[in-house]
């Protein structure tokens, strides 16, 4: 099957703006085998919508996928255990707390 890029672009856009269910993730075809030190694990992560919107915005500015930028941030945080938590993360957590408290 040849792909002129339109189908790939449409799929990329869809998956960058839509959430997958756990069944969809678990039913996906396994990735090609990689060396043990580069095996990628899929995990489910729940984020407040404003946080995910900001992740998508920042990823778009950099021209990468949201999952790629999130992986970079997590890897950087693990590499530098002395790093501080970004103010945006604290602000999002406070907003989520206030929202839950008000409900």
C-alpha atoms as a PDB file:
ATOM      1  CA  UNK A   1       0.000   0.000   0.000  1.00  0.00           C
ATOM      2  CA  UNK A   2       1.405   3.382  -0.918  1.00  0.00           C
ATOM      3  CA  UNK A   3       0.737   6.382   1.226  1.00  0.00           C
ATOM      4  CA  UNK A   4       1.106   9.877  -0.150  1.00  0.00           C
ATOM      5  CA  UNK A   5       1.239  11.305   3.348  1.00  0.00           C
ATOM      6  CA  UNK A   6      -2.377  12.438   3.549  1.00  0.00           C
ATOM      7  CA  UNK A   7      -3.557   9.332   5.388  1.00  0.00           C
ATOM      8  CA  UNK A   8      -0.577   9.444   7.746  1.00  0.00           C
ATOM      9  CA  UNK A   9      -1.122  13.140   8.433  1.00  0.00           C
ATOM     10  CA  UNK A  10      -4.821  12.566   9.087  1.00  0.00           C
ATOM     11  CA  UNK A  11      -4.066   9.716  11.498  1.00  0.00           C
ATOM     12  CA  UNK A  12      -1.402  11.761  13.292  1.00  0.00           C
ATOM     13  CA  UNK A  13      -3.801  14.685  13.699  1.00  0.00           C
ATOM     14  CA  UNK A  14      -6.547  12.401  14.997  1.00  0.00           C
ATOM     15  CA  UNK A  15      -4.383  10.692  17.602  1.00  0.00           C
ATOM     16  CA  UNK A  16      -2.850  13.980  18.785  1.00  0.00           C
ATOM     17  CA  UNK A  17      -6.296  15.423  19.509  1.00  0.00           C
ATOM     18  CA  UNK A  18      -8.256  12.363  20.700  1.00  0.00           C
ATOM     19  CA  UNK A  19      -7.860  10.149  23.725  1.00  0.00           C
ATOM     20  CA  UNK A  20      -7.607   6.374  23.304  1.00  0.00           C
ATOM     21  CA  UNK A  21      -9.459   3.967  25.566  1.00  0.00           C
ATOM     22  CA  UNK A  22      -7.489   1.370  27.473  1.00  0.00           C
ATOM     23  CA  UNK A  23      -9.022  -1.344  25.255  1.00  0.00           C
ATOM     24  CA  UNK A  24      -7.778   0.463  22.133  1.00  0.00           C
ATOM     25  CA  UNK A  25      -4.291   0.776  23.587  1.00  0.00           C
ATOM     26  CA  UNK A  26      -4.119  -2.828  24.773  1.00  0.00           C
ATOM     27  CA  UNK A  27      -5.467  -4.125  21.429  1.00  0.00           C
ATOM     28  CA  UNK A  28      -2.818  -2.352  19.367  1.00  0.00           C
ATOM     29  CA  UNK A  29      -0.327  -4.324  17.350  1.00  0.00           C
ATOM     30  CA  UNK A  30       2.949  -4.867  19.243  1.00  0.00           C
ATOM     31  CA  UNK A  31       5.878  -2.656  18.242  1.00  0.00           C
ATOM     32  CA  UNK A  32       8.786  -4.168  16.376  1.00  0.00           C
ATOM     33  CA  UNK A  33      11.367  -5.809  18.612  1.00  0.00           C
ATOM     34  CA  UNK A  34      14.025  -3.388  19.865  1.00  0.00           C
ATOM     35  CA  UNK A  35      17.180  -3.879  21.906  1.00  0.00           C
ATOM     36  CA  UNK A  36      16.393  -4.372  25.602  1.00  0.00           C
ATOM     37  CA  UNK A  37      17.703  -0.939  26.595  1.00  0.00           C
ATOM     38  CA  UNK A  38      15.279   0.864  24.237  1.00  0.00           C
ATOM     39  CA  UNK A  39      12.074  -1.095  24.817  1.00  0.00           C
ATOM     40  CA  UNK A  40       9.214   1.371  25.083  1.00  0.00           C
ATOM     41  CA  UNK A  41       6.374   0.793  27.539  1.00  0.00           C
ATOM     42  CA  UNK A  42       2.918   2.251  26.986  1.00  0.00           C
ATOM     43  CA  UNK A  43       1.156   3.689  29.987  1.00  0.00           C
ATOM     44  CA  UNK A  44      -2.078   5.515  30.591  1.00  0.00           C
ATOM     45  CA  UNK A  45      -1.851   8.973  32.106  1.00  0.00           C
ATOM     46  CA  UNK A  46      -4.754  11.138  33.249  1.00  0.00           C
ATOM     47  CA  UNK A  47      -4.166  14.877  33.095  1.00  0.00           C
ATOM     48  CA  UNK A  48      -6.476  17.839  33.595  1.00  0.00           C
ATOM     49  CA  UNK A  49      -7.671  19.140  30.214  1.00  0.00           C
ATOM     50  CA  UNK A  50      -5.937  22.535  30.596  1.00  0.00           C
ATOM     51  CA  UNK A  51      -2.622  20.764  31.227  1.00  0.00           C
ATOM     52  CA  UNK A  52      -2.998  18.510  28.180  1.00  0.00           C
ATOM     53  CA  UNK A  53      -4.037  21.501  26.068  1.00  0.00           C
ATOM     54  CA  UNK A  54      -0.815  23.254  27.099  1.00  0.00           C
ATOM     55  CA  UNK A  55       1.237  20.130  26.368  1.00  0.00           C
ATOM     56  CA  UNK A  56      -0.289  19.998  22.881  1.00  0.00           C
ATOM     57  CA  UNK A  57       0.362  23.714  22.347  1.00  0.00           C
ATOM     58  CA  UNK A  58       4.018  23.430  23.370  1.00  0.00           C
ATOM     59  CA  UNK A  59       4.477  20.322  21.250  1.00  0.00           C
ATOM     60  CA  UNK A  60       3.006  22.079  18.231  1.00  0.00           C
ATOM     61  CA  UNK A  61       5.361  25.046  18.725  1.00  0.00           C
ATOM     62  CA  UNK A  62       8.314  22.652  18.729  1.00  0.00           C
ATOM     63  CA  UNK A  63       6.940  20.583  15.852  1.00  0.00           C
ATOM     64  CA  UNK A  64       6.801  17.338  17.819  1.00  0.00           C
ATOM     65  CA  UNK A  65       4.039  15.073  19.057  1.00  0.00           C
ATOM     66  CA  UNK A  66       2.646  15.637  22.561  1.00  0.00           C
ATOM     67  CA  UNK A  67       3.822  12.202  23.674  1.00  0.00           C
ATOM     68  CA  UNK A  68       7.344  13.001  22.505  1.00  0.00           C
ATOM     69  CA  UNK A  69       7.579  16.211  24.513  1.00  0.00           C
ATOM     70  CA  UNK A  70       6.076  14.520  27.584  1.00  0.00           C
ATOM     71  CA  UNK A  71       8.669  11.724  27.286  1.00  0.00           C
ATOM     72  CA  UNK A  72      11.446  14.340  27.051  1.00  0.00           C
ATOM     73  CA  UNK A  73      10.211  16.087  30.193  1.00  0.00           C
ATOM     74  CA  UNK A  74       9.926  12.856  32.162  1.00  0.00           C
ATOM     75  CA  UNK A  75      13.369  11.665  31.056  1.00  0.00           C
ATOM     76  CA  UNK A  76      14.866  15.063  31.969  1.00  0.00           C
ATOM     77  CA  UNK A  77      13.237  14.977  35.404  1.00  0.00           C
ATOM     78  CA  UNK A  78      14.612  11.495  36.061  1.00  0.00           C
ATOM     79  CA  UNK A  79      18.076  12.480  34.844  1.00  0.00           C
ATOM     80  CA  UNK A  80      18.156  15.524  37.149  1.00  0.00           C
ATOM     81  CA  UNK A  81      16.638  14.494  40.467  1.00  0.00           C
ATOM     82  CA  UNK A  82      17.509  17.898  41.929  1.00  0.00           C
ATOM     83  CA  UNK A  83      15.272  19.654  39.390  1.00  0.00           C
ATOM     84  CA  UNK A  84      12.381  21.666  40.757  1.00  0.00           C
ATOM     85  CA  UNK A  85       8.772  21.090  39.820  1.00  0.00           C
ATOM     86  CA  UNK A  86       7.725  23.641  37.153  1.00  0.00           C
ATOM     87  CA  UNK A  87       5.329  26.341  38.331  1.00  0.00           C
ATOM     88  CA  UNK A  88       2.870  25.343  35.600  1.00  0.00           C
ATOM     89  CA  UNK A  89       2.570  21.862  37.131  1.00  0.00           C
ATOM     90  CA  UNK A  90       1.949  23.289  40.601  1.00  0.00           C
ATOM     91  CA  UNK A  91      -0.606  25.760  39.224  1.00  0.00           C
ATOM     92  CA  UNK A  92      -2.440  22.982  37.365  1.00  0.00           C
ATOM     93  CA  UNK A  93      -2.506  20.833  40.505  1.00  0.00           C
ATOM     94  CA  UNK A  94      -3.937  23.715  42.558  1.00  0.00           C
ATOM     95  CA  UNK A  95      -6.601  24.378  39.907  1.00  0.00           C
ATOM     96  CA  UNK A  96      -7.554  20.694  39.851  1.00  0.00           C
ATOM     97  CA  UNK A  97      -7.724  20.612  43.662  1.00  0.00           C
ATOM     98  CA  UNK A  98      -9.943  23.716  43.765  1.00  0.00           C
ATOM     99  CA  UNK A  99     -12.206  22.268  41.089  1.00  0.00           C
ATOM    100  CA  UNK A 100     -12.627  18.997  42.999  1.00  0.00           C
ATOM    101  CA  UNK A 101     -13.190  20.820  46.277  1.00  0.00           C
ATOM    102  CA  UNK A 102     -15.906  22.979  44.688  1.00  0.00           C
ATOM    103  CA  UNK A 103     -17.729  19.910  43.266  1.00  0.00           C
END
